Amino acid sequence: MTVGAVAMVFPCTPDGGTEQFSDESTAVTWLAPDDAMAAMREAYSIRIADALTGDMAPRIRTHDGRKLTDQTSS
């Protein structure tokens, strides 16, 4: 799989309103971090793990669409 992608992770908290569907979503739910990570492929769940470190450092990861191909983050 050859893909060129930029992934950015922004920590956030809700400050009002309610969850709702849109043209870009088919479901809306809140999950505990471990449950969210278990529901995703490694290449995507690492973004949650990185965001929850609390250090606000940027992370760069390489993957093949499923698995990380380099365990080093920068």
PDB file of N, CA and C in Angstrom:
ATOM      1  N   MET A   1       0.849  -1.176   0.000  1.00  0.00           N
ATOM      2  CA  MET A   1       0.000   0.000   0.000  1.00  0.00           C
ATOM      3  C   MET A   1       0.889   1.231   0.000  1.00  0.00           C
ATOM      4  N   THR A   2       0.745   2.094  -0.973  1.00  0.00           N
ATOM      5  CA  THR A   2       1.499   3.331  -1.023  1.00  0.00           C
ATOM      6  C   THR A   2       0.543   4.482  -0.777  1.00  0.00           C
ATOM      7  N   VAL A   3       0.801   5.224   0.290  1.00  0.00           N
ATOM      8  CA  VAL A   3      -0.070   6.320   0.674  1.00  0.00           C
ATOM      9  C   VAL A   3       0.788   7.489   1.119  1.00  0.00           C
ATOM     10  N   GLY A   4       0.409   8.680   0.726  1.00  0.00           N
ATOM     11  CA  GLY A   4       1.053   9.878   1.254  1.00  0.00           C
ATOM     12  C   GLY A   4       0.047  10.568   2.161  1.00  0.00           C
ATOM     13  N   ALA A   5       0.333  10.636   3.457  1.00  0.00           N
ATOM     14  CA  ALA A   5      -0.637  11.198   4.399  1.00  0.00           C
ATOM     15  C   ALA A   5       0.070  11.979   5.484  1.00  0.00           C
ATOM     16  N   VAL A   6      -0.620  12.978   5.982  1.00  0.00           N
ATOM     17  CA  VAL A   6      -0.150  13.731   7.149  1.00  0.00           C
ATOM     18  C   VAL A   6      -1.196  13.542   8.228  1.00  0.00           C
ATOM     19  N   ALA A   7      -0.798  13.047   9.372  1.00  0.00           N
ATOM     20  CA  ALA A   7      -1.718  12.830  10.494  1.00  0.00           C
ATOM     21  C   ALA A   7      -1.362  13.792  11.616  1.00  0.00           C
ATOM     22  N   MET A   8      -2.360  14.543  12.067  1.00  0.00           N
ATOM     23  CA  MET A   8      -2.157  15.471  13.176  1.00  0.00           C
ATOM     24  C   MET A   8      -3.103  15.089  14.301  1.00  0.00           C
ATOM     25  N   VAL A   9      -2.610  15.152  15.524  1.00  0.00           N
ATOM     26  CA  VAL A   9      -3.416  14.808  16.694  1.00  0.00           C
ATOM     27  C   VAL A   9      -3.550  16.043  17.562  1.00  0.00           C
ATOM     28  N   PHE A  10      -4.790  16.407  17.875  1.00  0.00           N
ATOM     29  CA  PHE A  10      -5.067  17.559  18.719  1.00  0.00           C
ATOM     30  C   PHE A  10      -5.848  17.108  19.939  1.00  0.00           C
ATOM     31  N   PRO A  11      -5.281  17.234  21.134  1.00  0.00           N
ATOM     32  CA  PRO A  11      -6.059  16.916  22.332  1.00  0.00           C
ATOM     33  C   PRO A  11      -7.196  17.933  22.467  1.00  0.00           C
ATOM     34  N   CYS A  12      -8.377  17.472  22.849  1.00  0.00           N
ATOM     35  CA  CYS A  12      -9.508  18.383  22.996  1.00  0.00           C
ATOM     36  C   CYS A  12     -10.503  17.846  24.017  1.00  0.00           C
ATOM     37  N   THR A  13     -11.356  18.718  24.466  1.00  0.00           N
ATOM     38  CA  THR A  13     -12.438  18.345  25.377  1.00  0.00           C
ATOM     39  C   THR A  13     -13.711  19.029  24.903  1.00  0.00           C
ATOM     40  N   PRO A  14     -14.846  18.382  25.067  1.00  0.00           N
ATOM     41  CA  PRO A  14     -16.101  19.032  24.667  1.00  0.00           C
ATOM     42  C   PRO A  14     -16.398  20.214  25.585  1.00  0.00           C
ATOM     43  N   ASP A  15     -16.966  21.268  25.020  1.00  0.00           N
ATOM     44  CA  ASP A  15     -17.309  22.419  25.860  1.00  0.00           C
ATOM     45  C   ASP A  15     -18.780  22.824  25.694  1.00  0.00           C
ATOM     46  N   GLY A  16     -19.546  21.975  25.063  1.00  0.00           N
ATOM     47  CA  GLY A  16     -20.971  22.255  24.922  1.00  0.00           C
ATOM     48  C   GLY A  16     -21.555  21.516  23.743  1.00  0.00           C
ATOM     49  N   GLY A  17     -22.856  21.642  23.594  1.00  0.00           N
ATOM     50  CA  GLY A  17     -23.529  20.991  22.486  1.00  0.00           C
ATOM     51  C   GLY A  17     -23.792  19.524  22.753  1.00  0.00           C
ATOM     52  N   THR A  18     -24.225  18.831  21.729  1.00  0.00           N
ATOM     53  CA  THR A  18     -24.490  17.401  21.832  1.00  0.00           C
ATOM     54  C   THR A  18     -23.903  16.690  20.623  1.00  0.00           C
ATOM     55  N   GLU A  19     -23.620  15.412  20.786  1.00  0.00           N
ATOM     56  CA  GLU A  19     -23.116  14.614  19.679  1.00  0.00           C
ATOM     57  C   GLU A  19     -24.227  14.490  18.644  1.00  0.00           C
ATOM     58  N   GLN A  20     -23.840  14.513  17.361  1.00  0.00           N
ATOM     59  CA  GLN A  20     -24.840  14.328  16.313  1.00  0.00           C
ATOM     60  C   GLN A  20     -24.187  13.807  15.043  1.00  0.00           C
ATOM     61  N   PHE A  21     -24.990  13.185  14.216  1.00  0.00           N
ATOM     62  CA  PHE A  21     -24.513  12.682  12.924  1.00  0.00           C
ATOM     63  C   PHE A  21     -24.299  13.847  11.967  1.00  0.00           C
ATOM     64  N   SER A  22     -23.483  13.610  10.942  1.00  0.00           N
ATOM     65  CA  SER A  22     -23.279  14.593   9.880  1.00  0.00           C
ATOM     66  C   SER A  22     -23.054  13.835   8.577  1.00  0.00           C
ATOM     67  N   ASP A  23     -22.777  14.564   7.515  1.00  0.00           N
ATOM     68  CA  ASP A  23     -22.469  13.927   6.237  1.00  0.00           C
ATOM     69  C   ASP A  23     -21.161  13.141   6.305  1.00  0.00           C
ATOM     70  N   GLU A  24     -20.352  13.426   7.312  1.00  0.00           N
ATOM     71  CA  GLU A  24     -19.051  12.769   7.444  1.00  0.00           C
ATOM     72  C   GLU A  24     -19.023  11.679   8.502  1.00  0.00           C
ATOM     73  N   SER A  25     -20.150  11.384   9.132  1.00  0.00           N
ATOM     74  CA  SER A  25     -20.148  10.362  10.186  1.00  0.00           C
ATOM     75  C   SER A  25     -21.382   9.476  10.084  1.00  0.00           C
ATOM     76  N   THR A  26     -21.201   8.241  10.496  1.00  0.00           N
ATOM     77  CA  THR A  26     -22.323   7.301  10.540  1.00  0.00           C
ATOM     78  C   THR A  26     -22.676   6.929  11.972  1.00  0.00           C
ATOM     79  N   ALA A  27     -21.794   7.287  12.922  1.00  0.00           N
ATOM     80  CA  ALA A  27     -22.035   7.005  14.336  1.00  0.00           C
ATOM     81  C   ALA A  27     -21.229   7.979  15.172  1.00  0.00           C
ATOM     82  N   VAL A  28     -21.714   8.236  16.368  1.00  0.00           N
ATOM     83  CA  VAL A  28     -21.005   9.106  17.310  1.00  0.00           C
ATOM     84  C   VAL A  28     -21.044   8.427  18.670  1.00  0.00           C
ATOM     85  N   THR A  29     -19.878   8.279  19.294  1.00  0.00           N
ATOM     86  CA  THR A  29     -19.831   7.672  20.620  1.00  0.00           C
ATOM     87  C   THR A  29     -18.574   8.138  21.346  1.00  0.00           C
ATOM     88  N   TRP A  30     -18.613   8.121  22.661  1.00  0.00           N
ATOM     89  CA  TRP A  30     -17.436   8.393  23.481  1.00  0.00           C
ATOM     90  C   TRP A  30     -16.894   7.062  23.965  1.00  0.00           C
ATOM     91  N   LEU A  31     -15.585   6.880  23.863  1.00  0.00           N
ATOM     92  CA  LEU A  31     -14.939   5.645  24.284  1.00  0.00           C
ATOM     93  C   LEU A  31     -13.803   5.948  25.250  1.00  0.00           C
ATOM     94  N   ALA A  32     -13.559   5.024  26.145  1.00  0.00           N
ATOM     95  CA  ALA A  32     -12.363   5.105  26.984  1.00  0.00           C
ATOM     96  C   ALA A  32     -11.156   4.913  26.066  1.00  0.00           C
ATOM     97  N   PRO A  33     -10.007   5.503  26.390  1.00  0.00           N
ATOM     98  CA  PRO A  33      -8.841   5.382  25.511  1.00  0.00           C
ATOM     99  C   PRO A  33      -8.492   3.937  25.138  1.00  0.00           C
ATOM    100  N   ASP A  34      -8.483   3.027  26.101  1.00  0.00           N
ATOM    101  CA  ASP A  34      -8.144   1.628  25.787  1.00  0.00           C
ATOM    102  C   ASP A  34      -9.151   1.008  24.832  1.00  0.00           C
ATOM    103  N   ASP A  35     -10.428   1.322  24.988  1.00  0.00           N
ATOM    104  CA  ASP A  35     -11.461   0.788  24.091  1.00  0.00           C
ATOM    105  C   ASP A  35     -11.306   1.358  22.684  1.00  0.00           C
ATOM    106  N   ALA A  36     -11.004   2.639  22.594  1.00  0.00           N
ATOM    107  CA  ALA A  36     -10.803   3.258  21.285  1.00  0.00           C
ATOM    108  C   ALA A  36      -9.608   2.642  20.572  1.00  0.00           C
ATOM    109  N   MET A  37      -8.505   2.469  21.298  1.00  0.00           N
ATOM    110  CA  MET A  37      -7.303   1.897  20.688  1.00  0.00           C
ATOM    111  C   MET A  37      -7.527   0.446  20.268  1.00  0.00           C
ATOM    112  N   ALA A  38      -8.310  -0.309  21.040  1.00  0.00           N
ATOM    113  CA  ALA A  38      -8.590  -1.705  20.699  1.00  0.00           C
ATOM    114  C   ALA A  38      -9.444  -1.822  19.443  1.00  0.00           C
ATOM    115  N   ALA A  39     -10.191  -0.780  19.121  1.00  0.00           N
ATOM    116  CA  ALA A  39     -11.087  -0.821  17.965  1.00  0.00           C
ATOM    117  C   ALA A  39     -10.386  -0.412  16.663  1.00  0.00           C
ATOM    118  N   MET A  40      -9.129  -0.033  16.730  1.00  0.00           N
ATOM    119  CA  MET A  40      -8.413   0.469  15.556  1.00  0.00           C
ATOM    120  C   MET A  40      -7.193  -0.369  15.230  1.00  0.00           C
ATOM    121  N   ARG A  41      -6.750  -0.228  13.991  1.00  0.00           N
ATOM    122  CA  ARG A  41      -5.472  -0.815  13.614  1.00  0.00           C
ATOM    123  C   ARG A  41      -4.360  -0.051  14.321  1.00  0.00           C
ATOM    124  N   GLU A  42      -3.232  -0.726  14.512  1.00  0.00           N
ATOM    125  CA  GLU A  42      -2.090  -0.136  15.208  1.00  0.00           C
ATOM    126  C   GLU A  42      -1.668   1.207  14.606  1.00  0.00           C
ATOM    127  N   ALA A  43      -1.694   1.303  13.278  1.00  0.00           N
ATOM    128  CA  ALA A  43      -1.259   2.520  12.607  1.00  0.00           C
ATOM    129  C   ALA A  43      -2.083   3.733  13.014  1.00  0.00           C
ATOM    130  N   TYR A  44      -3.301   3.513  13.471  1.00  0.00           N
ATOM    131  CA  TYR A  44      -4.173   4.618  13.866  1.00  0.00           C
ATOM    132  C   TYR A  44      -4.274   4.750  15.387  1.00  0.00           C
ATOM    133  N   SER A  45      -4.254   3.639  16.099  1.00  0.00           N
ATOM    134  CA  SER A  45      -4.385   3.702  17.557  1.00  0.00           C
ATOM    135  C   SER A  45      -3.182   4.390  18.205  1.00  0.00           C
ATOM    136  N   ILE A  46      -2.026   4.345  17.541  1.00  0.00           N
ATOM    137  CA  ILE A  46      -0.846   5.001  18.102  1.00  0.00           C
ATOM    138  C   ILE A  46      -1.073   6.503  18.235  1.00  0.00           C
ATOM    139  N   ARG A  47      -1.944   7.069  17.416  1.00  0.00           N
ATOM    140  CA  ARG A  47      -2.229   8.509  17.498  1.00  0.00           C
ATOM    141  C   ARG A  47      -2.901   8.852  18.824  1.00  0.00           C
ATOM    142  N   ILE A  48      -3.774   7.974  19.286  1.00  0.00           N
ATOM    143  CA  ILE A  48      -4.419   8.198  20.579  1.00  0.00           C
ATOM    144  C   ILE A  48      -3.386   8.082  21.691  1.00  0.00           C
ATOM    145  N   ALA A  49      -2.562   7.043  21.622  1.00  0.00           N
ATOM    146  CA  ALA A  49      -1.519   6.856  22.637  1.00  0.00           C
ATOM    147  C   ALA A  49      -0.591   8.071  22.683  1.00  0.00           C
ATOM    148  N   ASP A  50      -0.196   8.588  21.520  1.00  0.00           N
ATOM    149  CA  ASP A  50       0.668   9.767  21.472  1.00  0.00           C
ATOM    150  C   ASP A  50      -0.022  10.987  22.078  1.00  0.00           C
ATOM    151  N   ALA A  51      -1.292  11.180  21.761  1.00  0.00           N
ATOM    152  CA  ALA A  51      -2.023  12.349  22.265  1.00  0.00           C
ATOM    153  C   ALA A  51      -2.179  12.302  23.778  1.00  0.00           C
ATOM    154  N   LEU A  52      -2.253  11.113  24.343  1.00  0.00           N
ATOM    155  CA  LEU A  52      -2.474  10.980  25.783  1.00  0.00           C
ATOM    156  C   LEU A  52      -1.201  11.038  26.622  1.00  0.00           C
ATOM    157  N   THR A  53      -0.049  11.229  25.976  1.00  0.00           N
ATOM    158  CA  THR A  53       1.188  11.333  26.757  1.00  0.00           C
ATOM    159  C   THR A  53       1.210  12.591  27.601  1.00  0.00           C
ATOM    160  N   GLY A  54       0.495  13.623  27.183  1.00  0.00           N
ATOM    161  CA  GLY A  54       0.420  14.855  27.946  1.00  0.00           C
ATOM    162  C   GLY A  54       1.569  15.812  27.729  1.00  0.00           C
ATOM    163  N   ASP A  55       2.564  15.442  26.928  1.00  0.00           N
ATOM    164  CA  ASP A  55       3.719  16.328  26.769  1.00  0.00           C
ATOM    165  C   ASP A  55       3.593  17.302  25.599  1.00  0.00           C
ATOM    166  N   MET A  56       2.550  17.186  24.803  1.00  0.00           N
ATOM    167  CA  MET A  56       2.264  18.087  23.684  1.00  0.00           C
ATOM    168  C   MET A  56       3.343  18.094  22.600  1.00  0.00           C
ATOM    169  N   ALA A  57       4.242  17.118  22.611  1.00  0.00           N
ATOM    170  CA  ALA A  57       5.286  17.037  21.587  1.00  0.00           C
ATOM    171  C   ALA A  57       4.691  16.495  20.291  1.00  0.00           C
ATOM    172  N   PRO A  58       5.150  17.015  19.157  1.00  0.00           N
ATOM    173  CA  PRO A  58       4.669  16.456  17.883  1.00  0.00           C
ATOM    174  C   PRO A  58       5.217  15.044  17.697  1.00  0.00           C
ATOM    175  N   ARG A  59       4.484  14.221  16.996  1.00  0.00           N
ATOM    176  CA  ARG A  59       4.887  12.841  16.730  1.00  0.00           C
ATOM    177  C   ARG A  59       4.831  12.587  15.228  1.00  0.00           C
ATOM    178  N   ILE A  60       5.826  11.905  14.723  1.00  0.00           N
ATOM    179  CA  ILE A  60       5.853  11.497  13.323  1.00  0.00           C
ATOM    180  C   ILE A  60       5.984   9.982  13.311  1.00  0.00           C
ATOM    181  N   ARG A  61       5.062   9.318  12.640  1.00  0.00           N
ATOM    182  CA  ARG A  61       5.056   7.853  12.593  1.00  0.00           C
ATOM    183  C   ARG A  61       4.994   7.395  11.144  1.00  0.00           C
ATOM    184  N   THR A  62       5.616   6.268  10.857  1.00  0.00           N
ATOM    185  CA  THR A  62       5.490   5.653   9.543  1.00  0.00           C
ATOM    186  C   THR A  62       4.755   4.335   9.699  1.00  0.00           C
ATOM    187  N   HIS A  63       3.916   4.041   8.709  1.00  0.00           N
ATOM    188  CA  HIS A  63       3.151   2.794   8.753  1.00  0.00           C
ATOM    189  C   HIS A  63       2.791   2.357   7.350  1.00  0.00           C
ATOM    190  N   ASP A  64       2.335   1.128   7.258  1.00  0.00           N
ATOM    191  CA  ASP A  64       1.957   0.571   5.965  1.00  0.00           C
ATOM    192  C   ASP A  64       0.442   0.540   5.766  1.00  0.00           C
ATOM    193  N   GLY A  65      -0.288   1.262   6.574  1.00  0.00           N
ATOM    194  CA  GLY A  65      -1.742   1.248   6.507  1.00  0.00           C
ATOM    195  C   GLY A  65      -2.362   0.375   7.574  1.00  0.00           C
ATOM    196  N   ARG A  66      -1.558  -0.492   8.152  1.00  0.00           N
ATOM    197  CA  ARG A  66      -2.027  -1.375   9.218  1.00  0.00           C
ATOM    198  C   ARG A  66      -1.110  -1.333  10.434  1.00  0.00           C
ATOM    199  N   LYS A  67       0.160  -1.586  10.198  1.00  0.00           N
ATOM    200  CA  LYS A  67       1.155  -1.685  11.271  1.00  0.00           C
ATOM    201  C   LYS A  67       2.188  -0.575  11.158  1.00  0.00           C
ATOM    202  N   LEU A  68       2.755  -0.192  12.311  1.00  0.00           N
ATOM    203  CA  LEU A  68       3.855   0.745  12.294  1.00  0.00           C
ATOM    204  C   LEU A  68       5.051   0.081  11.631  1.00  0.00           C
ATOM    205  N   THR A  69       5.778   0.845  10.844  1.00  0.00           N
ATOM    206  CA  THR A  69       6.976   0.297  10.205  1.00  0.00           C
ATOM    207  C   THR A  69       8.234   0.809  10.873  1.00  0.00           C
ATOM    208  N   ASP A  70       8.087   1.810  11.757  1.00  0.00           N
ATOM    209  CA  ASP A  70       9.223   2.359  12.493  1.00  0.00           C
ATOM    210  C   ASP A  70       8.692   2.720  13.879  1.00  0.00           C
ATOM    211  N   GLN A  71       9.207   2.108  14.910  1.00  0.00           N
ATOM    212  CA  GLN A  71       8.730   2.338  16.261  1.00  0.00           C
ATOM    213  C   GLN A  71       9.291   3.623  16.864  1.00  0.00           C
ATOM    214  N   THR A  72      10.149   4.326  16.145  1.00  0.00           N
ATOM    215  CA  THR A  72      10.739   5.557  16.656  1.00  0.00           C
ATOM    216  C   THR A  72       9.792   6.716  16.403  1.00  0.00           C
ATOM    217  N   SER A  73       9.564   7.552  17.422  1.00  0.00           N
ATOM    218  CA  SER A  73       8.785   8.768  17.211  1.00  0.00           C
ATOM    219  C   SER A  73       9.700   9.958  17.382  1.00  0.00           C
ATOM    220  N   SER A  74       9.365  11.041  16.708  1.00  0.00           N
ATOM    221  CA  SER A  74      10.175  12.247  16.836  1.00  0.00           C
ATOM    222  C   SER A  74       9.275  13.443  16.983  1.00  0.00           C
TER     223      SER A  74
END
